[in-house]
Protein backbone atom coordinates (compact mmCIF):
# COMPACT_ATOMS: atom_id res chain seq x y z
CA MET A 1 -23.36 42.63 -41.25
CA LYS A 2 -21.01 45.56 -40.94
CA HIS A 3 -19.83 46.94 -44.28
CA ARG A 4 -16.67 48.72 -43.22
CA ALA A 5 -13.41 48.49 -45.07
CA LEU A 6 -9.80 48.78 -43.96
CA ALA A 7 -7.06 49.15 -46.54
CA LEU A 8 -4.03 47.07 -45.61
CA GLY A 9 -1.44 47.80 -48.22
CA THR A 10 -3.31 46.96 -51.40
CA VAL A 11 -5.86 44.68 -49.74
CA ALA A 12 -9.30 45.84 -48.65
CA ILE A 13 -11.58 44.00 -46.26
CA GLY A 14 -15.27 44.40 -46.81
CA GLU A 15 -16.61 40.95 -47.64
CA ASP A 16 -18.67 38.73 -45.38
CA ARG A 17 -16.09 35.95 -45.62
CA LEU A 18 -12.42 35.66 -46.45
CA ASP A 19 -10.46 32.55 -47.29
CA ALA A 20 -7.31 33.89 -45.64
CA GLU A 21 -6.36 35.81 -42.55
CA LEU A 22 -4.66 39.16 -43.00
CA ALA A 23 -2.05 40.30 -40.53
CA ALA A 24 -1.21 43.99 -40.65
CA ASN A 25 2.07 45.33 -39.34
CA GLY A 26 4.19 48.46 -39.33
CA ARG A 27 5.49 50.67 -42.02
CA GLY A 28 7.32 49.83 -45.17
CA PRO A 29 10.73 51.11 -46.26
CA GLY A 30 10.84 54.86 -46.69
CA GLN A 31 7.63 55.52 -44.78
CA GLN A 32 7.54 57.91 -41.85
CA ALA A 33 7.91 56.38 -38.37
CA LEU A 34 4.86 57.10 -36.24
CA GLY A 35 6.00 55.66 -32.90
CA ASP A 36 2.61 54.12 -32.19
CA LEU A 37 1.81 52.33 -35.42
CA GLY A 38 1.14 48.99 -33.71
CA ARG A 39 -1.48 50.66 -31.55
CA ARG A 40 -3.02 52.36 -34.59
CA VAL A 41 -3.18 49.10 -36.57
CA LEU A 42 -4.69 47.30 -33.58
CA LEU A 43 -7.36 50.01 -33.23
CA ALA A 44 -8.09 49.81 -36.96
CA ALA A 45 -8.39 46.01 -36.82
CA ARG A 46 -10.79 46.33 -33.90
CA GLU A 47 -12.79 48.94 -35.81
CA VAL A 48 -13.11 46.63 -38.81
CA ASP A 49 -14.18 43.89 -36.40
CA HIS A 50 -13.57 41.07 -38.85
CA PRO A 51 -12.15 37.77 -37.58
CA ALA A 52 -9.76 37.56 -40.53
CA VAL A 53 -8.00 40.84 -39.70
CA ARG A 54 -5.31 40.40 -37.07
CA LEU A 55 -2.02 41.98 -36.00
CA LEU A 56 1.55 41.15 -36.98
CA ILE A 57 4.20 42.56 -34.68
CA ASP A 58 7.69 43.00 -36.08
CA TYR A 59 10.27 43.42 -33.30
CA TYR A 60 12.70 45.21 -35.62
CA HIS A 61 10.16 47.94 -36.50
CA LEU A 62 8.91 48.10 -32.92
CA ALA A 63 12.44 48.75 -31.67
CA ILE A 64 13.32 51.22 -34.44
CA GLU A 65 10.15 53.20 -33.72
CA LYS A 66 10.66 52.89 -29.95
CA GLU A 67 7.17 51.51 -29.56
CA ASP A 68 6.19 49.81 -26.32
CA PRO A 69 6.30 46.00 -26.67
CA GLY A 70 3.27 45.97 -24.39
CA ILE A 71 1.26 46.34 -27.60
CA ALA A 72 1.48 42.53 -27.74
CA VAL A 73 -0.34 42.29 -24.42
CA GLN A 74 -2.95 44.80 -25.60
CA ALA A 75 -3.45 42.82 -28.81
CA GLY A 76 -3.91 39.52 -26.97
CA PRO A 77 -5.81 37.11 -29.22
CA ALA A 78 -5.69 39.60 -32.11
CA LEU A 79 -1.94 38.94 -32.38
CA ARG A 80 -1.47 36.48 -35.24
CA HIS A 81 2.23 36.51 -36.16
CA VAL A 82 5.60 37.81 -34.98
CA HIS A 83 8.71 38.80 -36.93
CA PHE A 84 12.03 39.16 -35.19
CA ALA A 85 15.44 40.57 -36.10
CA LYS A 86 18.30 42.11 -34.21
CA VAL A 87 18.11 45.86 -34.79
CA GLU A 88 21.81 46.27 -35.55
CA GLY A 89 22.10 45.32 -39.22
CA ARG A 90 18.61 43.78 -39.22
CA SER A 91 20.37 40.51 -38.54
CA PHE A 92 19.83 37.20 -36.78
CA PRO A 93 20.08 37.50 -32.98
CA ASP A 94 23.47 36.32 -31.73
CA ARG A 95 22.95 36.86 -27.99
CA THR A 96 20.18 37.55 -25.50
CA GLU A 97 19.53 41.19 -24.70
CA GLU A 98 17.28 42.79 -22.08
CA ASP A 99 15.02 44.33 -24.75
CA TYR A 100 14.53 40.87 -26.26
CA ARG A 101 13.57 39.45 -22.84
CA ARG A 102 11.03 42.22 -22.34
CA PHE A 103 9.52 41.65 -25.79
CA PHE A 104 9.19 37.89 -25.28
CA SER A 105 7.80 38.47 -21.79
CA CYS A 106 5.04 40.55 -23.38
CA LEU A 107 4.37 37.76 -25.89
CA ARG A 108 3.99 35.27 -23.02
CA ARG A 109 1.67 37.65 -21.12
CA ALA A 110 -0.41 37.89 -24.30
CA ALA A 111 -0.58 34.06 -24.32
CA TYR A 112 0.95 34.12 -27.80
CA SER A 113 1.85 30.58 -28.83
CA ARG A 114 2.13 30.87 -32.60
CA ARG A 115 5.16 31.19 -34.86
CA CYS A 116 7.97 33.69 -34.75
CA SER A 117 9.76 34.26 -38.04
CA ILE A 118 13.23 35.72 -38.28
CA GLU A 119 13.09 38.40 -40.96
CA SER A 120 16.66 39.52 -41.41
CA VAL A 121 19.68 39.85 -43.61
CA THR A 122 22.24 37.05 -43.65
CA ALA A 123 25.33 36.03 -45.55
CA ASP A 124 25.33 32.53 -44.03
CA PHE A 125 21.82 31.31 -43.32
CA GLU A 126 22.79 27.93 -41.85
CA ALA A 127 25.32 29.35 -39.39
CA ASP A 128 23.11 32.28 -38.39
CA ALA A 129 20.04 30.08 -37.98
CA ARG A 130 21.98 27.51 -35.95
CA ARG A 131 23.17 30.24 -33.60
CA ALA A 132 19.82 32.08 -33.36
CA LEU A 133 17.46 29.15 -32.79
CA PRO A 134 18.59 28.29 -29.23
CA ILE A 135 18.53 31.99 -28.33
CA LEU A 136 14.93 32.35 -29.50
CA ARG A 137 13.92 29.11 -27.79
CA GLN A 138 15.44 30.36 -24.55
CA LEU A 139 13.65 33.70 -24.85
CA ALA A 140 10.33 32.01 -25.66
CA SER A 141 10.53 29.64 -22.71
CA ALA A 142 11.97 31.99 -20.08
CA GLY A 143 9.85 32.16 -16.97
CA GLU A 144 7.97 28.92 -17.66
């Protein structure tokens, strides 16, 4: 058994078995943008080589850091969860944009079929969610 450890925030992996999966993503507020953090986290997860350590991709951070959404394709089965927010105002998406289509195309190429959470700011959750859901469904199903 490998006895490596990877610190993910305040969590360390080093046990033979975990009761939960850990998904590591980008930086937190106030931390320096690296531009390739998704790639670095993916490499670290592969180095740890533990089935409970997977990747979370947050579209908002990916776009802010100008990271290639192709990281989703590189991650493949290591991709465990996706967060999404419109970059402007970290808000719910209110229309389809080319960058969104490219991101979701990468998710499809990665065969990602799990959840996508909207992680954004809102003053009217019901209205924003009602408007965003069909947009995300359209993006997720495009090209099928």
